[in-house]
């Protein structure tokens, strides 16, 4: 399941911003200025952020939760379909924001993916089996030149990597703590 998409594409529509952030020095001159993300709630209480200016639009959020209202069991299973899911996500975000969606076919090859999180579930048996697997993974799992760390019963490999990282946790316990 695709758990998060952060993408950018050429866009010539109206600017979409959530305000500005400025740094003003002691003389009143603007030293730094940047536009902020515009946040909005999707139809399923999933926050999405969007920013469009200077000929580009960038959207970041959880497409599964935005499109279906949950991110427990994905119907967007196949990571080979990232372009199809990205198009559906973009169209849905524009519709939810009441902004006319641009024609995406001309910009298909220019869509830049900044981040794609892929979530995969594994069935390991009982809750005790899962916790035992996590305990062993924390002790013995390694990534190529990446550190294995843990917090509680969650195991991370390459937690702060900019390229790839793995996170393993007990979904059953997560659902107990945060019911849908």
C-alpha atoms as a PDB file:
ATOM      1  CA  UNK A   1       0.000   0.000   0.000  1.00  0.00           C
ATOM      2  CA  UNK A   2       1.247   3.489  -0.749  1.00  0.00           C
ATOM      3  CA  UNK A   3       1.233   5.176   2.622  1.00  0.00           C
ATOM      4  CA  UNK A   4       2.531   8.641   1.672  1.00  0.00           C
ATOM      5  CA  UNK A   5       3.125  10.605  -1.526  1.00  0.00           C
ATOM      6  CA  UNK A   6       4.971  13.891  -1.829  1.00  0.00           C
ATOM      7  CA  UNK A   7       4.980  15.001  -5.458  1.00  0.00           C
ATOM      8  CA  UNK A   8       5.492  18.056  -7.614  1.00  0.00           C
ATOM      9  CA  UNK A   9       4.415  18.872 -11.153  1.00  0.00           C
ATOM     10  CA  UNK A  10       4.313  21.859 -13.528  1.00  0.00           C
ATOM     11  CA  UNK A  11       1.241  23.990 -12.855  1.00  0.00           C
ATOM     12  CA  UNK A  12       0.092  27.238 -14.463  1.00  0.00           C
ATOM     13  CA  UNK A  13      -3.131  27.781 -12.491  1.00  0.00           C
ATOM     14  CA  UNK A  14      -3.731  30.226  -9.680  1.00  0.00           C
ATOM     15  CA  UNK A  15      -1.368  30.284  -6.717  1.00  0.00           C
ATOM     16  CA  UNK A  16      -2.392  28.098  -3.783  1.00  0.00           C
ATOM     17  CA  UNK A  17      -0.618  29.049  -0.586  1.00  0.00           C
ATOM     18  CA  UNK A  18      -1.325  29.049   3.129  1.00  0.00           C
ATOM     19  CA  UNK A  19       0.298  32.379   3.939  1.00  0.00           C
ATOM     20  CA  UNK A  20       3.866  33.648   4.170  1.00  0.00           C
ATOM     21  CA  UNK A  21       6.725  33.356   6.581  1.00  0.00           C
ATOM     22  CA  UNK A  22       9.080  36.320   6.797  1.00  0.00           C
ATOM     23  CA  UNK A  23      12.206  37.226   8.689  1.00  0.00           C
ATOM     24  CA  UNK A  24      12.585  40.950   9.286  1.00  0.00           C
ATOM     25  CA  UNK A  25      15.807  42.464  10.608  1.00  0.00           C
ATOM     26  CA  UNK A  26      16.083  45.239  13.219  1.00  0.00           C
ATOM     27  CA  UNK A  27      15.892  47.915  10.474  1.00  0.00           C
ATOM     28  CA  UNK A  28      12.579  46.615   9.138  1.00  0.00           C
ATOM     29  CA  UNK A  29      14.043  45.044   5.994  1.00  0.00           C
ATOM     30  CA  UNK A  30      12.834  41.643   4.866  1.00  0.00           C
ATOM     31  CA  UNK A  31      15.773  39.223   4.987  1.00  0.00           C
ATOM     32  CA  UNK A  32      13.875  36.075   4.132  1.00  0.00           C
ATOM     33  CA  UNK A  33      10.434  35.309   2.743  1.00  0.00           C
ATOM     34  CA  UNK A  34       8.812  32.025   1.897  1.00  0.00           C
ATOM     35  CA  UNK A  35       5.310  30.829   1.193  1.00  0.00           C
ATOM     36  CA  UNK A  36       3.713  28.303   3.532  1.00  0.00           C
ATOM     37  CA  UNK A  37       1.801  25.112   2.796  1.00  0.00           C
ATOM     38  CA  UNK A  38      -1.979  25.309   2.668  1.00  0.00           C
ATOM     39  CA  UNK A  39      -3.485  22.573   4.843  1.00  0.00           C
ATOM     40  CA  UNK A  40      -6.962  21.243   4.404  1.00  0.00           C
ATOM     41  CA  UNK A  41      -9.041  18.338   5.617  1.00  0.00           C
ATOM     42  CA  UNK A  42     -10.055  15.688   3.146  1.00  0.00           C
ATOM     43  CA  UNK A  43     -13.442  14.028   3.176  1.00  0.00           C
ATOM     44  CA  UNK A  44     -12.175  11.396   5.627  1.00  0.00           C
ATOM     45  CA  UNK A  45     -10.426  13.664   8.178  1.00  0.00           C
ATOM     46  CA  UNK A  46      -7.069  13.205   6.528  1.00  0.00           C
ATOM     47  CA  UNK A  47      -4.897  16.308   6.361  1.00  0.00           C
ATOM     48  CA  UNK A  48      -3.250  17.090   3.040  1.00  0.00           C
ATOM     49  CA  UNK A  49      -0.923  19.945   2.282  1.00  0.00           C
ATOM     50  CA  UNK A  50      -0.639  21.723  -1.041  1.00  0.00           C
ATOM     51  CA  UNK A  51       1.393  24.639  -2.358  1.00  0.00           C
ATOM     52  CA  UNK A  52       1.287  26.037  -5.894  1.00  0.00           C
ATOM     53  CA  UNK A  53       3.390  28.956  -7.073  1.00  0.00           C
ATOM     54  CA  UNK A  54       6.100  29.893  -9.542  1.00  0.00           C
ATOM     55  CA  UNK A  55       4.843  27.395 -12.134  1.00  0.00           C
ATOM     56  CA  UNK A  56       4.795  24.310  -9.896  1.00  0.00           C
ATOM     57  CA  UNK A  57       2.343  22.565  -7.619  1.00  0.00           C
ATOM     58  CA  UNK A  58       3.402  20.302  -4.750  1.00  0.00           C
ATOM     59  CA  UNK A  59       1.057  17.982  -2.845  1.00  0.00           C
ATOM     60  CA  UNK A  60       1.965  15.893   0.186  1.00  0.00           C
ATOM     61  CA  UNK A  61      -0.154  13.446   2.157  1.00  0.00           C
ATOM     62  CA  UNK A  62      -1.480   9.931   2.642  1.00  0.00           C
ATOM     63  CA  UNK A  63      -3.352   8.962  -0.550  1.00  0.00           C
ATOM     64  CA  UNK A  64      -4.901   5.800   0.927  1.00  0.00           C
ATOM     65  CA  UNK A  65      -6.415   7.622   3.884  1.00  0.00           C
ATOM     66  CA  UNK A  66      -7.450  10.569   1.719  1.00  0.00           C
ATOM     67  CA  UNK A  67      -9.132   8.398  -0.937  1.00  0.00           C
ATOM     68  CA  UNK A  68     -10.664   5.642   1.217  1.00  0.00           C
ATOM     69  CA  UNK A  69     -10.829   7.009   4.761  1.00  0.00           C
ATOM     70  CA  UNK A  70      -8.542   4.399   6.296  1.00  0.00           C
ATOM     71  CA  UNK A  71      -4.964   3.226   5.989  1.00  0.00           C
ATOM     72  CA  UNK A  72      -5.191  -0.152   7.671  1.00  0.00           C
ATOM     73  CA  UNK A  73      -5.752  -2.345   4.666  1.00  0.00           C
ATOM     74  CA  UNK A  74      -4.937  -0.767   1.342  1.00  0.00           C
ATOM     75  CA  UNK A  75      -6.808  -1.205  -1.857  1.00  0.00           C
ATOM     76  CA  UNK A  76      -3.943   0.744  -3.438  1.00  0.00           C
ATOM     77  CA  UNK A  77      -1.754  -2.315  -3.025  1.00  0.00           C
ATOM     78  CA  UNK A  78       0.580  -2.372  -5.993  1.00  0.00           C
ATOM     79  CA  UNK A  79       3.513   0.028  -5.896  1.00  0.00           C
ATOM     80  CA  UNK A  80       3.852  -0.470  -9.682  1.00  0.00           C
ATOM     81  CA  UNK A  81       0.800   1.759 -10.009  1.00  0.00           C
ATOM     82  CA  UNK A  82       2.336   4.884  -8.466  1.00  0.00           C
ATOM     83  CA  UNK A  83       1.526   7.061 -11.536  1.00  0.00           C
ATOM     84  CA  UNK A  84      -2.128   5.927 -11.576  1.00  0.00           C
ATOM     85  CA  UNK A  85      -2.469   6.513  -7.838  1.00  0.00           C
ATOM     86  CA  UNK A  86      -0.672   9.878  -8.123  1.00  0.00           C
ATOM     87  CA  UNK A  87      -3.115  11.026 -10.836  1.00  0.00           C
ATOM     88  CA  UNK A  88      -6.131   9.931  -8.779  1.00  0.00           C
ATOM     89  CA  UNK A  89      -4.667  11.592  -5.678  1.00  0.00           C
ATOM     90  CA  UNK A  90      -3.984  14.889  -7.501  1.00  0.00           C
ATOM     91  CA  UNK A  91      -7.469  14.985  -9.021  1.00  0.00           C
ATOM     92  CA  UNK A  92      -9.091  14.232  -5.654  1.00  0.00           C
ATOM     93  CA  UNK A  93      -7.046  16.892  -3.841  1.00  0.00           C
ATOM     94  CA  UNK A  94      -7.996  19.551  -6.390  1.00  0.00           C
ATOM     95  CA  UNK A  95     -11.665  18.490  -6.193  1.00  0.00           C
ATOM     96  CA  UNK A  96     -11.643  18.638  -2.381  1.00  0.00           C
ATOM     97  CA  UNK A  97     -10.069  22.101  -2.523  1.00  0.00           C
ATOM     98  CA  UNK A  98     -12.670  23.266  -5.089  1.00  0.00           C
ATOM     99  CA  UNK A  99      -9.942  24.185  -7.571  1.00  0.00           C
ATOM    100  CA  UNK A 100     -10.147  23.173 -11.253  1.00  0.00           C
ATOM    101  CA  UNK A 101      -7.707  20.313 -11.853  1.00  0.00           C
ATOM    102  CA  UNK A 102      -5.151  20.885 -14.599  1.00  0.00           C
ATOM    103  CA  UNK A 103      -4.752  18.458 -17.499  1.00  0.00           C
ATOM    104  CA  UNK A 104      -2.177  16.003 -16.150  1.00  0.00           C
ATOM    105  CA  UNK A 105      -1.306  14.096 -19.335  1.00  0.00           C
ATOM    106  CA  UNK A 106       1.004  16.822 -20.742  1.00  0.00           C
ATOM    107  CA  UNK A 107       2.967  16.904 -17.463  1.00  0.00           C
ATOM    108  CA  UNK A 108       3.089  13.102 -16.950  1.00  0.00           C
ATOM    109  CA  UNK A 109       6.842  12.861 -17.569  1.00  0.00           C
ATOM    110  CA  UNK A 110       7.517  15.938 -15.450  1.00  0.00           C
ATOM    111  CA  UNK A 111       5.942  14.693 -12.208  1.00  0.00           C
ATOM    112  CA  UNK A 112       8.697  14.612  -9.599  1.00  0.00           C
ATOM    113  CA  UNK A 113       8.345  12.273  -6.630  1.00  0.00           C
ATOM    114  CA  UNK A 114       9.981  13.706  -3.518  1.00  0.00           C
ATOM    115  CA  UNK A 115       8.856  10.905  -1.225  1.00  0.00           C
ATOM    116  CA  UNK A 116       6.985   7.621  -1.577  1.00  0.00           C
ATOM    117  CA  UNK A 117       6.277   5.511   1.515  1.00  0.00           C
ATOM    118  CA  UNK A 118       5.275   1.929   0.811  1.00  0.00           C
ATOM    119  CA  UNK A 119       3.589  -0.087   3.526  1.00  0.00           C
ATOM    120  CA  UNK A 120       3.490  -3.894   3.479  1.00  0.00           C
ATOM    121  CA  UNK A 121       1.818  -6.104   6.054  1.00  0.00           C
ATOM    122  CA  UNK A 122       3.043  -9.558   7.012  1.00  0.00           C
ATOM    123  CA  UNK A 123       1.139 -12.173   8.957  1.00  0.00           C
ATOM    124  CA  UNK A 124       3.444 -13.655  11.594  1.00  0.00           C
ATOM    125  CA  UNK A 125       0.962 -15.563  13.715  1.00  0.00           C
ATOM    126  CA  UNK A 126      -0.035 -14.638  17.235  1.00  0.00           C
ATOM    127  CA  UNK A 127       0.630 -11.371  19.022  1.00  0.00           C
ATOM    128  CA  UNK A 128       3.405 -13.099  21.009  1.00  0.00           C
ATOM    129  CA  UNK A 129       4.993 -14.359  17.759  1.00  0.00           C
ATOM    130  CA  UNK A 130       5.014 -10.831  16.364  1.00  0.00           C
ATOM    131  CA  UNK A 131       6.595  -9.391  19.517  1.00  0.00           C
ATOM    132  CA  UNK A 132       9.238 -12.145  19.521  1.00  0.00           C
ATOM    133  CA  UNK A 133      10.040 -11.422  15.855  1.00  0.00           C
ATOM    134  CA  UNK A 134      10.371  -7.702  16.627  1.00  0.00           C
ATOM    135  CA  UNK A 135      12.673  -8.442  19.560  1.00  0.00           C
ATOM    136  CA  UNK A 136      14.928 -10.599  17.372  1.00  0.00           C
ATOM    137  CA  UNK A 137      14.862  -8.075  14.530  1.00  0.00           C
ATOM    138  CA  UNK A 138      15.976  -5.351  16.911  1.00  0.00           C
ATOM    139  CA  UNK A 139      18.987  -7.469  17.929  1.00  0.00           C
ATOM    140  CA  UNK A 140      20.009  -8.972  14.581  1.00  0.00           C
ATOM    141  CA  UNK A 141      18.559  -7.029  11.625  1.00  0.00           C
ATOM    142  CA  UNK A 142      20.928  -4.757   9.749  1.00  0.00           C
ATOM    143  CA  UNK A 143      20.818  -2.614   6.674  1.00  0.00           C
ATOM    144  CA  UNK A 144      23.764  -1.884   4.440  1.00  0.00           C
ATOM    145  CA  UNK A 145      25.616   0.865   6.296  1.00  0.00           C
ATOM    146  CA  UNK A 146      22.458   1.615   8.293  1.00  0.00           C
ATOM    147  CA  UNK A 147      21.890   1.571  12.011  1.00  0.00           C
ATOM    148  CA  UNK A 148      19.138  -0.525  13.618  1.00  0.00           C
ATOM    149  CA  UNK A 149      17.349   1.309  16.412  1.00  0.00           C
ATOM    150  CA  UNK A 150      14.176   0.850  18.374  1.00  0.00           C
ATOM    151  CA  UNK A 151      11.638   2.713  20.412  1.00  0.00           C
ATOM    152  CA  UNK A 152       9.231   0.640  22.446  1.00  0.00           C
ATOM    153  CA  UNK A 153       8.304  -2.332  20.301  1.00  0.00           C
ATOM    154  CA  UNK A 154       9.055  -0.519  17.023  1.00  0.00           C
ATOM    155  CA  UNK A 155      12.214  -1.431  15.097  1.00  0.00           C
ATOM    156  CA  UNK A 156      13.836   0.996  12.650  1.00  0.00           C
ATOM    157  CA  UNK A 157      16.568   0.306  10.118  1.00  0.00           C
ATOM    158  CA  UNK A 158      18.026   3.512   8.698  1.00  0.00           C
ATOM    159  CA  UNK A 159      15.530   5.635  10.611  1.00  0.00           C
ATOM    160  CA  UNK A 160      16.875   9.023   9.502  1.00  0.00           C
ATOM    161  CA  UNK A 161      18.087   8.033   6.051  1.00  0.00           C
ATOM    162  CA  UNK A 162      17.185  10.310   3.155  1.00  0.00           C
ATOM    163  CA  UNK A 163      17.094   7.385   0.723  1.00  0.00           C
ATOM    164  CA  UNK A 164      15.461   4.389   2.327  1.00  0.00           C
ATOM    165  CA  UNK A 165      14.374   3.238   5.735  1.00  0.00           C
ATOM    166  CA  UNK A 166      12.395   0.383   7.226  1.00  0.00           C
ATOM    167  CA  UNK A 167      10.001   0.482  10.148  1.00  0.00           C
ATOM    168  CA  UNK A 168       8.582  -2.666  11.728  1.00  0.00           C
ATOM    169  CA  UNK A 169       5.848  -2.618  14.349  1.00  0.00           C
ATOM    170  CA  UNK A 170       2.950  -4.636  15.701  1.00  0.00           C
ATOM    171  CA  UNK A 171      -0.156  -3.430  13.843  1.00  0.00           C
ATOM    172  CA  UNK A 172      -2.481  -5.180  16.334  1.00  0.00           C
ATOM    173  CA  UNK A 173      -0.992  -3.242  19.262  1.00  0.00           C
ATOM    174  CA  UNK A 174      -1.139  -0.043  17.237  1.00  0.00           C
ATOM    175  CA  UNK A 175      -4.860  -0.605  16.620  1.00  0.00           C
ATOM    176  CA  UNK A 176      -5.401  -1.214  20.336  1.00  0.00           C
ATOM    177  CA  UNK A 177      -3.751   2.121  21.191  1.00  0.00           C
ATOM    178  CA  UNK A 178      -5.398   4.089  18.342  1.00  0.00           C
ATOM    179  CA  UNK A 179      -8.691   2.491  17.247  1.00  0.00           C
ATOM    180  CA  UNK A 180      -9.993   3.612  13.826  1.00  0.00           C
END
